[in-house]
Amino acid sequence: MPKLYEYFGLIIMFYANEHEPVHVHGKYHDRESRAEIIVVNGEIAEIRYTSVAGRAPLANTEMRNFEELVSARASDIVSKWIDFFVLHKPVKSERITRRLK
């Protein structure tokens, strides 16, 4: 379960057995939401935010932080997905302590 980022208490991660489309999970305590990054012809076309079955969704502030991080780092997330799932390389976790806006 590679952790990609820690952002104001929110953990952004992949599960080790993921599937396409490229997506990350945002977790805060027992709440969790998901962001799918839709890539078309090598370009990020859309980011879709959804809930995770069996988990309470992120609260409003947590969700805003999740959306802020995923929007700002979408290209990096796609690169980390390729490194981890396609090239089988480790990914480095990053702790972000400043706002990304």
PDB file of N, CA and C in Angstrom:
ATOM      1  N   MET A   1       0.849  -1.171   0.000  1.00  0.00           N
ATOM      2  CA  MET A   1       0.000   0.000   0.000  1.00  0.00           C
ATOM      3  C   MET A   1       0.896   1.235   0.000  1.00  0.00           C
ATOM      4  N   PRO A   2       1.352   1.651  -1.175  1.00  0.00           N
ATOM      5  CA  PRO A   2       2.242   2.810  -1.254  1.00  0.00           C
ATOM      6  C   PRO A   2       1.554   4.118  -0.884  1.00  0.00           C
ATOM      7  N   LYS A   3       2.120   4.810   0.074  1.00  0.00           N
ATOM      8  CA  LYS A   3       1.640   6.140   0.457  1.00  0.00           C
ATOM      9  C   LYS A   3       2.373   7.141  -0.425  1.00  0.00           C
ATOM     10  N   LEU A   4       1.627   7.996  -1.107  1.00  0.00           N
ATOM     11  CA  LEU A   4       2.222   8.983  -1.999  1.00  0.00           C
ATOM     12  C   LEU A   4       2.456  10.313  -1.303  1.00  0.00           C
ATOM     13  N   TYR A   5       1.433  10.775  -0.592  1.00  0.00           N
ATOM     14  CA  TYR A   5       1.491  12.089   0.044  1.00  0.00           C
ATOM     15  C   TYR A   5       0.811  12.048   1.401  1.00  0.00           C
ATOM     16  N   GLU A   6       1.264  12.958   2.238  1.00  0.00           N
ATOM     17  CA  GLU A   6       0.567  13.275   3.468  1.00  0.00           C
ATOM     18  C   GLU A   6       0.335  14.777   3.408  1.00  0.00           C
ATOM     19  N   TYR A   7      -0.925  15.189   3.530  1.00  0.00           N
ATOM     20  CA  TYR A   7      -1.296  16.587   3.324  1.00  0.00           C
ATOM     21  C   TYR A   7      -2.321  16.990   4.379  1.00  0.00           C
ATOM     22  N   PHE A   8      -1.879  17.715   5.397  1.00  0.00           N
ATOM     23  CA  PHE A   8      -2.743  18.186   6.481  1.00  0.00           C
ATOM     24  C   PHE A   8      -3.558  17.039   7.088  1.00  0.00           C
ATOM     25  N   GLY A   9      -2.882  15.936   7.382  1.00  0.00           N
ATOM     26  CA  GLY A   9      -3.500  14.782   8.019  1.00  0.00           C
ATOM     27  C   GLY A   9      -4.135  13.796   7.061  1.00  0.00           C
ATOM     28  N   LEU A  10      -4.290  14.193   5.831  1.00  0.00           N
ATOM     29  CA  LEU A  10      -4.879  13.336   4.799  1.00  0.00           C
ATOM     30  C   LEU A  10      -3.780  12.469   4.189  1.00  0.00           C
ATOM     31  N   ILE A  11      -4.051  11.186   4.031  1.00  0.00           N
ATOM     32  CA  ILE A  11      -3.107  10.269   3.406  1.00  0.00           C
ATOM     33  C   ILE A  11      -3.612   9.965   1.998  1.00  0.00           C
ATOM     34  N   ILE A  12      -2.753  10.179   0.997  1.00  0.00           N
ATOM     35  CA  ILE A  12      -3.090   9.872  -0.392  1.00  0.00           C
ATOM     36  C   ILE A  12      -2.233   8.683  -0.792  1.00  0.00           C
ATOM     37  N   MET A  13      -2.901   7.622  -1.302  1.00  0.00           N
ATOM     38  CA  MET A  13      -2.195   6.363  -1.506  1.00  0.00           C
ATOM     39  C   MET A  13      -2.804   5.550  -2.638  1.00  0.00           C
ATOM     40  N   PHE A  14      -2.025   4.547  -3.063  1.00  0.00           N
ATOM     41  CA  PHE A  14      -2.522   3.476  -3.925  1.00  0.00           C
ATOM     42  C   PHE A  14      -2.710   2.260  -3.031  1.00  0.00           C
ATOM     43  N   TYR A  15      -3.627   1.386  -3.382  1.00  0.00           N
ATOM     44  CA  TYR A  15      -3.619   0.046  -2.817  1.00  0.00           C
ATOM     45  C   TYR A  15      -2.716  -0.780  -3.725  1.00  0.00           C
ATOM     46  N   ALA A  16      -2.040  -1.776  -3.194  1.00  0.00           N
ATOM     47  CA  ALA A  16      -1.044  -2.537  -3.948  1.00  0.00           C
ATOM     48  C   ALA A  16      -1.643  -3.366  -5.078  1.00  0.00           C
ATOM     49  N   ASN A  17      -2.926  -3.655  -5.046  1.00  0.00           N
ATOM     50  CA  ASN A  17      -3.536  -4.488  -6.076  1.00  0.00           C
ATOM     51  C   ASN A  17      -4.500  -3.688  -6.954  1.00  0.00           C
ATOM     52  N   GLU A  18      -4.144  -2.472  -7.316  1.00  0.00           N
ATOM     53  CA  GLU A  18      -5.040  -1.576  -8.040  1.00  0.00           C
ATOM     54  C   GLU A  18      -5.263  -2.001  -9.491  1.00  0.00           C
ATOM     55  N   HIS A  19      -6.189  -1.319 -10.121  1.00  0.00           N
ATOM     56  CA  HIS A  19      -6.587  -1.560 -11.503  1.00  0.00           C
ATOM     57  C   HIS A  19      -6.813  -0.209 -12.153  1.00  0.00           C
ATOM     58  N   GLU A  20      -6.873  -0.200 -13.462  1.00  0.00           N
ATOM     59  CA  GLU A  20      -7.146   1.053 -14.154  1.00  0.00           C
ATOM     60  C   GLU A  20      -8.625   1.403 -14.034  1.00  0.00           C
ATOM     61  N   PRO A  21      -9.010   2.661 -14.155  1.00  0.00           N
ATOM     62  CA  PRO A  21      -8.199   3.811 -14.504  1.00  0.00           C
ATOM     63  C   PRO A  21      -7.277   4.229 -13.358  1.00  0.00           C
ATOM     64  N   VAL A  22      -6.306   5.061 -13.701  1.00  0.00           N
ATOM     65  CA  VAL A  22      -5.392   5.584 -12.692  1.00  0.00           C
ATOM     66  C   VAL A  22      -6.229   6.252 -11.617  1.00  0.00           C
ATOM     67  N   HIS A  23      -5.980   5.893 -10.358  1.00  0.00           N
ATOM     68  CA  HIS A  23      -6.726   6.520  -9.268  1.00  0.00           C
ATOM     69  C   HIS A  23      -5.937   6.427  -7.961  1.00  0.00           C
ATOM     70  N   VAL A  24      -6.299   7.310  -7.061  1.00  0.00           N
ATOM     71  CA  VAL A  24      -5.713   7.326  -5.718  1.00  0.00           C
ATOM     72  C   VAL A  24      -6.841   7.360  -4.705  1.00  0.00           C
ATOM     73  N   HIS A  25      -6.505   6.942  -3.501  1.00  0.00           N
ATOM     74  CA  HIS A  25      -7.440   6.982  -2.387  1.00  0.00           C
ATOM     75  C   HIS A  25      -6.965   8.051  -1.412  1.00  0.00           C
ATOM     76  N   GLY A  26      -7.906   8.824  -0.905  1.00  0.00           N
ATOM     77  CA  GLY A  26      -7.621   9.797   0.140  1.00  0.00           C
ATOM     78  C   GLY A  26      -8.245   9.288   1.420  1.00  0.00           C
ATOM     79  N   LYS A  27      -7.440   9.132   2.464  1.00  0.00           N
ATOM     80  CA  LYS A  27      -7.943   8.609   3.739  1.00  0.00           C
ATOM     81  C   LYS A  27      -7.669   9.604   4.856  1.00  0.00           C
ATOM     82  N   TYR A  28      -8.647   9.724   5.724  1.00  0.00           N
ATOM     83  CA  TYR A  28      -8.500  10.536   6.930  1.00  0.00           C
ATOM     84  C   TYR A  28      -9.228   9.782   8.030  1.00  0.00           C
ATOM     85  N   HIS A  29      -8.480   9.221   8.967  1.00  0.00           N
ATOM     86  CA  HIS A  29      -9.030   8.354  10.017  1.00  0.00           C
ATOM     87  C   HIS A  29      -9.808   7.212   9.372  1.00  0.00           C
ATOM     88  N   ASP A  30     -11.105   7.117   9.619  1.00  0.00           N
ATOM     89  CA  ASP A  30     -11.885   6.008   9.068  1.00  0.00           C
ATOM     90  C   ASP A  30     -12.678   6.410   7.821  1.00  0.00           C
ATOM     91  N   ARG A  31     -12.434   7.601   7.295  1.00  0.00           N
ATOM     92  CA  ARG A  31     -13.137   8.076   6.105  1.00  0.00           C
ATOM     93  C   ARG A  31     -12.234   7.955   4.877  1.00  0.00           C
ATOM     94  N   GLU A  32     -12.853   7.721   3.721  1.00  0.00           N
ATOM     95  CA  GLU A  32     -12.062   7.512   2.510  1.00  0.00           C
ATOM     96  C   GLU A  32     -12.861   7.898   1.268  1.00  0.00           C
ATOM     97  N   SER A  33     -12.185   8.539   0.316  1.00  0.00           N
ATOM     98  CA  SER A  33     -12.758   8.848  -0.992  1.00  0.00           C
ATOM     99  C   SER A  33     -11.711   8.507  -2.045  1.00  0.00           C
ATOM    100  N   ARG A  34     -12.127   8.565  -3.296  1.00  0.00           N
ATOM    101  CA  ARG A  34     -11.265   8.137  -4.387  1.00  0.00           C
ATOM    102  C   ARG A  34     -11.279   9.184  -5.497  1.00  0.00           C
ATOM    103  N   ALA A  35     -10.132   9.351  -6.172  1.00  0.00           N
ATOM    104  CA  ALA A  35     -10.035  10.254  -7.319  1.00  0.00           C
ATOM    105  C   ALA A  35      -9.509   9.466  -8.506  1.00  0.00           C
ATOM    106  N   GLU A  36     -10.292   9.419  -9.578  1.00  0.00           N
ATOM    107  CA  GLU A  36      -9.872   8.789 -10.824  1.00  0.00           C
ATOM    108  C   GLU A  36      -9.322   9.871 -11.739  1.00  0.00           C
ATOM    109  N   ILE A  37      -8.145   9.625 -12.268  1.00  0.00           N
ATOM    110  CA  ILE A  37      -7.516  10.573 -13.182  1.00  0.00           C
ATOM    111  C   ILE A  37      -7.639   9.981 -14.582  1.00  0.00           C
ATOM    112  N   ILE A  38      -8.456  10.612 -15.403  1.00  0.00           N
ATOM    113  CA  ILE A  38      -8.728  10.114 -16.746  1.00  0.00           C
ATOM    114  C   ILE A  38      -7.698  10.717 -17.700  1.00  0.00           C
ATOM    115  N   VAL A  39      -6.927   9.828 -18.339  1.00  0.00           N
ATOM    116  CA  VAL A  39      -5.871  10.239 -19.259  1.00  0.00           C
ATOM    117  C   VAL A  39      -6.297   9.854 -20.675  1.00  0.00           C
ATOM    118  N   VAL A  40      -6.285  10.827 -21.590  1.00  0.00           N
ATOM    119  CA  VAL A  40      -6.639  10.603 -22.986  1.00  0.00           C
ATOM    120  C   VAL A  40      -5.486  11.098 -23.844  1.00  0.00           C
ATOM    121  N   ASN A  41      -4.935  10.211 -24.648  1.00  0.00           N
ATOM    122  CA  ASN A  41      -3.799  10.552 -25.523  1.00  0.00           C
ATOM    123  C   ASN A  41      -2.653  11.199 -24.753  1.00  0.00           C
ATOM    124  N   GLY A  42      -2.373  10.667 -23.573  1.00  0.00           N
ATOM    125  CA  GLY A  42      -1.259  11.148 -22.772  1.00  0.00           C
ATOM    126  C   GLY A  42      -1.513  12.430 -22.008  1.00  0.00           C
ATOM    127  N   GLU A  43      -2.717  12.966 -22.088  1.00  0.00           N
ATOM    128  CA  GLU A  43      -3.068  14.207 -21.396  1.00  0.00           C
ATOM    129  C   GLU A  43      -4.159  13.933 -20.362  1.00  0.00           C
ATOM    130  N   ILE A  44      -4.097  14.641 -19.246  1.00  0.00           N
ATOM    131  CA  ILE A  44      -5.135  14.507 -18.229  1.00  0.00           C
ATOM    132  C   ILE A  44      -6.382  15.228 -18.724  1.00  0.00           C
ATOM    133  N   ALA A  45      -7.448  14.463 -18.930  1.00  0.00           N
ATOM    134  CA  ALA A  45      -8.682  15.008 -19.479  1.00  0.00           C
ATOM    135  C   ALA A  45      -9.681  15.376 -18.394  1.00  0.00           C
ATOM    136  N   GLU A  46      -9.656  14.627 -17.287  1.00  0.00           N
ATOM    137  CA  GLU A  46     -10.677  14.820 -16.260  1.00  0.00           C
ATOM    138  C   GLU A  46     -10.232  14.144 -14.966  1.00  0.00           C
ATOM    139  N   ILE A  47     -10.723  14.668 -13.854  1.00  0.00           N
ATOM    140  CA  ILE A  47     -10.540  14.024 -12.552  1.00  0.00           C
ATOM    141  C   ILE A  47     -11.932  13.836 -11.961  1.00  0.00           C
ATOM    142  N   ARG A  48     -12.251  12.582 -11.619  1.00  0.00           N
ATOM    143  CA  ARG A  48     -13.561  12.245 -11.053  1.00  0.00           C
ATOM    144  C   ARG A  48     -13.383  11.817  -9.606  1.00  0.00           C
ATOM    145  N   TYR A  49     -14.187  12.387  -8.730  1.00  0.00           N
ATOM    146  CA  TYR A  49     -14.128  12.060  -7.302  1.00  0.00           C
ATOM    147  C   TYR A  49     -15.339  11.210  -6.944  1.00  0.00           C
ATOM    148  N   THR A  50     -15.096  10.094  -6.274  1.00  0.00           N
ATOM    149  CA  THR A  50     -16.170   9.183  -5.908  1.00  0.00           C
ATOM    150  C   THR A  50     -15.978   8.697  -4.478  1.00  0.00           C
ATOM    151  N   SER A  51     -17.027   8.088  -3.962  1.00  0.00           N
ATOM    152  CA  SER A  51     -16.927   7.468  -2.643  1.00  0.00           C
ATOM    153  C   SER A  51     -16.361   6.059  -2.802  1.00  0.00           C
ATOM    154  N   VAL A  52     -16.007   5.454  -1.690  1.00  0.00           N
ATOM    155  CA  VAL A  52     -15.474   4.088  -1.659  1.00  0.00           C
ATOM    156  C   VAL A  52     -16.494   3.218  -0.951  1.00  0.00           C
ATOM    157  N   ALA A  53     -16.872   2.117  -1.586  1.00  0.00           N
ATOM    158  CA  ALA A  53     -17.882   1.219  -1.017  1.00  0.00           C
ATOM    159  C   ALA A  53     -17.460   0.751   0.371  1.00  0.00           C
ATOM    160  N   GLY A  54     -18.393   0.822   1.303  1.00  0.00           N
ATOM    161  CA  GLY A  54     -18.145   0.347   2.657  1.00  0.00           C
ATOM    162  C   GLY A  54     -17.399   1.322   3.546  1.00  0.00           C
ATOM    163  N   ARG A  55     -17.098   2.517   3.048  1.00  0.00           N
ATOM    164  CA  ARG A  55     -16.381   3.527   3.842  1.00  0.00           C
ATOM    165  C   ARG A  55     -17.172   4.829   3.855  1.00  0.00           C
ATOM    166  N   ALA A  56     -17.104   5.519   4.960  1.00  0.00           N
ATOM    167  CA  ALA A  56     -17.695   6.855   5.021  1.00  0.00           C
ATOM    168  C   ALA A  56     -16.833   7.779   4.163  1.00  0.00           C
ATOM    169  N   PRO A  57     -17.446   8.690   3.398  1.00  0.00           N
ATOM    170  CA  PRO A  57     -16.655   9.602   2.559  1.00  0.00           C
ATOM    171  C   PRO A  57     -15.930  10.647   3.408  1.00  0.00           C
ATOM    172  N   LEU A  58     -14.938  11.257   2.802  1.00  0.00           N
ATOM    173  CA  LEU A  58     -14.222  12.343   3.470  1.00  0.00           C
ATOM    174  C   LEU A  58     -15.202  13.463   3.807  1.00  0.00           C
ATOM    175  N   ALA A  59     -14.963  14.111   4.925  1.00  0.00           N
ATOM    176  CA  ALA A  59     -15.762  15.277   5.316  1.00  0.00           C
ATOM    177  C   ALA A  59     -15.425  16.444   4.381  1.00  0.00           C
ATOM    178  N   ASN A  60     -16.215  17.517   4.423  1.00  0.00           N
ATOM    179  CA  ASN A  60     -16.063  18.632   3.479  1.00  0.00           C
ATOM    180  C   ASN A  60     -14.646  19.200   3.430  1.00  0.00           C
ATOM    181  N   THR A  61     -14.075  19.525   4.575  1.00  0.00           N
ATOM    182  CA  THR A  61     -12.719  20.105   4.594  1.00  0.00           C
ATOM    183  C   THR A  61     -11.695  19.106   4.072  1.00  0.00           C
ATOM    184  N   GLU A  62     -11.828  17.864   4.469  1.00  0.00           N
ATOM    185  CA  GLU A  62     -10.909  16.819   4.004  1.00  0.00           C
ATOM    186  C   GLU A  62     -11.027  16.642   2.489  1.00  0.00           C
ATOM    187  N   MET A  63     -12.245  16.691   1.989  1.00  0.00           N
ATOM    188  CA  MET A  63     -12.469  16.533   0.552  1.00  0.00           C
ATOM    189  C   MET A  63     -11.879  17.705  -0.222  1.00  0.00           C
ATOM    190  N   ARG A  64     -12.019  18.913   0.308  1.00  0.00           N
ATOM    191  CA  ARG A  64     -11.404  20.075  -0.351  1.00  0.00           C
ATOM    192  C   ARG A  64      -9.892  19.902  -0.415  1.00  0.00           C
ATOM    193  N   ASN A  65      -9.290  19.433   0.690  1.00  0.00           N
ATOM    194  CA  ASN A  65      -7.841  19.199   0.696  1.00  0.00           C
ATOM    195  C   ASN A  65      -7.452  18.116  -0.309  1.00  0.00           C
ATOM    196  N   PHE A  66      -8.252  17.056  -0.387  1.00  0.00           N
ATOM    197  CA  PHE A  66      -8.006  15.970  -1.333  1.00  0.00           C
ATOM    198  C   PHE A  66      -8.068  16.486  -2.768  1.00  0.00           C
ATOM    199  N   GLU A  67      -9.116  17.229  -3.086  1.00  0.00           N
ATOM    200  CA  GLU A  67      -9.266  17.788  -4.434  1.00  0.00           C
ATOM    201  C   GLU A  67      -8.128  18.754  -4.758  1.00  0.00           C
ATOM    202  N   GLU A  68      -7.733  19.558  -3.792  1.00  0.00           N
ATOM    203  CA  GLU A  68      -6.639  20.505  -3.979  1.00  0.00           C
ATOM    204  C   GLU A  68      -5.349  19.771  -4.320  1.00  0.00           C
ATOM    205  N   LEU A  69      -5.039  18.739  -3.570  1.00  0.00           N
ATOM    206  CA  LEU A  69      -3.801  17.998  -3.795  1.00  0.00           C
ATOM    207  C   LEU A  69      -3.833  17.244  -5.126  1.00  0.00           C
ATOM    208  N   VAL A  70      -4.914  16.518  -5.385  1.00  0.00           N
ATOM    209  CA  VAL A  70      -4.982  15.729  -6.617  1.00  0.00           C
ATOM    210  C   VAL A  70      -4.925  16.641  -7.841  1.00  0.00           C
ATOM    211  N   SER A  71      -5.622  17.770  -7.811  1.00  0.00           N
ATOM    212  CA  SER A  71      -5.583  18.706  -8.942  1.00  0.00           C
ATOM    213  C   SER A  71      -4.174  19.244  -9.171  1.00  0.00           C
ATOM    214  N   ALA A  72      -3.496  19.594  -8.090  1.00  0.00           N
ATOM    215  CA  ALA A  72      -2.150  20.157  -8.204  1.00  0.00           C
ATOM    216  C   ALA A  72      -1.104  19.122  -8.599  1.00  0.00           C
ATOM    217  N   ARG A  73      -1.308  17.864  -8.228  1.00  0.00           N
ATOM    218  CA  ARG A  73      -0.289  16.831  -8.441  1.00  0.00           C
ATOM    219  C   ARG A  73      -0.735  15.713  -9.383  1.00  0.00           C
ATOM    220  N   ALA A  74      -1.744  15.937 -10.195  1.00  0.00           N
ATOM    221  CA  ALA A  74      -2.284  14.875 -11.051  1.00  0.00           C
ATOM    222  C   ALA A  74      -1.227  14.265 -11.967  1.00  0.00           C
ATOM    223  N   SER A  75      -0.408  15.080 -12.595  1.00  0.00           N
ATOM    224  CA  SER A  75       0.637  14.550 -13.487  1.00  0.00           C
ATOM    225  C   SER A  75       1.636  13.696 -12.716  1.00  0.00           C
ATOM    226  N   ASP A  76       2.002  14.139 -11.542  1.00  0.00           N
ATOM    227  CA  ASP A  76       2.929  13.389 -10.697  1.00  0.00           C
ATOM    228  C   ASP A  76       2.302  12.059 -10.248  1.00  0.00           C
ATOM    229  N   ILE A  77       1.013  12.074  -9.950  1.00  0.00           N
ATOM    230  CA  ILE A  77       0.319  10.851  -9.547  1.00  0.00           C
ATOM    231  C   ILE A  77       0.332   9.844 -10.695  1.00  0.00           C
ATOM    232  N   VAL A  78       0.069  10.308 -11.916  1.00  0.00           N
ATOM    233  CA  VAL A  78       0.107   9.418 -13.081  1.00  0.00           C
ATOM    234  C   VAL A  78       1.507   8.831 -13.248  1.00  0.00           C
ATOM    235  N   SER A  79       2.534   9.656 -13.087  1.00  0.00           N
ATOM    236  CA  SER A  79       3.921   9.165 -13.189  1.00  0.00           C
ATOM    237  C   SER A  79       4.217   8.117 -12.125  1.00  0.00           C
ATOM    238  N   LYS A  80       3.751   8.366 -10.908  1.00  0.00           N
ATOM    239  CA  LYS A  80       3.971   7.402  -9.829  1.00  0.00           C
ATOM    240  C   LYS A  80       3.207   6.110 -10.087  1.00  0.00           C
ATOM    241  N   TRP A  81       2.013   6.202 -10.670  1.00  0.00           N
ATOM    242  CA  TRP A  81       1.234   5.014 -11.026  1.00  0.00           C
ATOM    243  C   TRP A  81       2.034   4.159 -12.021  1.00  0.00           C
ATOM    244  N   ILE A  82       2.569   4.809 -13.043  1.00  0.00           N
ATOM    245  CA  ILE A  82       3.361   4.089 -14.054  1.00  0.00           C
ATOM    246  C   ILE A  82       4.587   3.466 -13.417  1.00  0.00           C
ATOM    247  N   ASP A  83       5.288   4.239 -12.602  1.00  0.00           N
ATOM    248  CA  ASP A  83       6.477   3.698 -11.929  1.00  0.00           C
ATOM    249  C   ASP A  83       6.121   2.461 -11.105  1.00  0.00           C
ATOM    250  N   PHE A  84       5.067   2.545 -10.316  1.00  0.00           N
ATOM    251  CA  PHE A  84       4.742   1.461  -9.392  1.00  0.00           C
ATOM    252  C   PHE A  84       4.099   0.256 -10.075  1.00  0.00           C
ATOM    253  N   PHE A  85       3.056   0.497 -10.876  1.00  0.00           N
ATOM    254  CA  PHE A  85       2.282  -0.616 -11.426  1.00  0.00           C
ATOM    255  C   PHE A  85       2.823  -1.150 -12.751  1.00  0.00           C
ATOM    256  N   VAL A  86       3.483  -0.309 -13.547  1.00  0.00           N
ATOM    257  CA  VAL A  86       3.989  -0.757 -14.848  1.00  0.00           C
ATOM    258  C   VAL A  86       5.469  -1.125 -14.761  1.00  0.00           C
ATOM    259  N   LEU A  87       6.260  -0.239 -14.180  1.00  0.00           N
ATOM    260  CA  LEU A  87       7.713  -0.455 -14.128  1.00  0.00           C
ATOM    261  C   LEU A  87       8.167  -1.165 -12.856  1.00  0.00           C
ATOM    262  N   HIS A  88       7.261  -1.357 -11.904  1.00  0.00           N
ATOM    263  CA  HIS A  88       7.543  -2.050 -10.636  1.00  0.00           C
ATOM    264  C   HIS A  88       8.696  -1.409  -9.859  1.00  0.00           C
ATOM    265  N   LYS A  89       8.680  -0.081  -9.864  1.00  0.00           N
ATOM    266  CA  LYS A  89       9.669   0.689  -9.118  1.00  0.00           C
ATOM    267  C   LYS A  89       9.025   1.216  -7.838  1.00  0.00           C
ATOM    268  N   PRO A  90       9.802   1.392  -6.800  1.00  0.00           N
ATOM    269  CA  PRO A  90       9.234   1.978  -5.573  1.00  0.00           C
ATOM    270  C   PRO A  90       8.898   3.452  -5.792  1.00  0.00           C
ATOM    271  N   VAL A  91       7.935   3.946  -5.049  1.00  0.00           N
ATOM    272  CA  VAL A  91       7.593   5.365  -5.109  1.00  0.00           C
ATOM    273  C   VAL A  91       7.871   5.990  -3.749  1.00  0.00           C
ATOM    274  N   LYS A  92       8.308   7.211  -3.784  1.00  0.00           N
ATOM    275  CA  LYS A  92       8.673   7.916  -2.557  1.00  0.00           C
ATOM    276  C   LYS A  92       7.490   8.730  -2.038  1.00  0.00           C
ATOM    277  N   SER A  93       7.257   8.631  -0.754  1.00  0.00           N
ATOM    278  CA  SER A  93       6.205   9.397  -0.106  1.00  0.00           C
ATOM    279  C   SER A  93       6.689  10.815   0.161  1.00  0.00           C
ATOM    280  N   GLU A  94       5.772  11.753   0.105  1.00  0.00           N
ATOM    281  CA  GLU A  94       6.117  13.160   0.333  1.00  0.00           C
ATOM    282  C   GLU A  94       5.150  13.757   1.350  1.00  0.00           C
ATOM    283  N   ARG A  95       5.684  14.448   2.329  1.00  0.00           N
ATOM    284  CA  ARG A  95       4.849  15.144   3.313  1.00  0.00           C
ATOM    285  C   ARG A  95       4.806  16.616   2.904  1.00  0.00           C
ATOM    286  N   ILE A  96       3.619  17.100   2.638  1.00  0.00           N
ATOM    287  CA  ILE A  96       3.433  18.493   2.178  1.00  0.00           C
ATOM    288  C   ILE A  96       2.857  19.287   3.333  1.00  0.00           C
ATOM    289  N   THR A  97       3.547  20.333   3.728  1.00  0.00           N
ATOM    290  CA  THR A  97       3.132  21.109   4.897  1.00  0.00           C
ATOM    291  C   THR A  97       2.651  22.515   4.555  1.00  0.00           C
ATOM    292  N   ARG A  98       2.662  22.860   3.266  1.00  0.00           N
ATOM    293  CA  ARG A  98       2.173  24.174   2.842  1.00  0.00           C
ATOM    294  C   ARG A  98       1.037  24.004   1.853  1.00  0.00           C
ATOM    295  N   ARG A  99       0.145  24.945   1.833  1.00  0.00           N
ATOM    296  CA  ARG A  99      -0.974  24.925   0.894  1.00  0.00           C
ATOM    297  C   ARG A  99      -0.462  24.905  -0.533  1.00  0.00           C
ATOM    298  N   LEU A 100      -1.158  24.200  -1.396  1.00  0.00           N
ATOM    299  CA  LEU A 100      -0.742  24.063  -2.798  1.00  0.00           C
ATOM    300  C   LEU A 100      -1.379  25.085  -3.716  1.00  0.00           C
ATOM    301  N   LYS A 101      -2.354  25.835  -3.224  1.00  0.00           N
ATOM    302  CA  LYS A 101      -3.045  26.827  -4.057  1.00  0.00           C
ATOM    303  C   LYS A 101      -2.117  27.939  -4.467  1.00  0.00           C
TER     304      LYS A 101
END
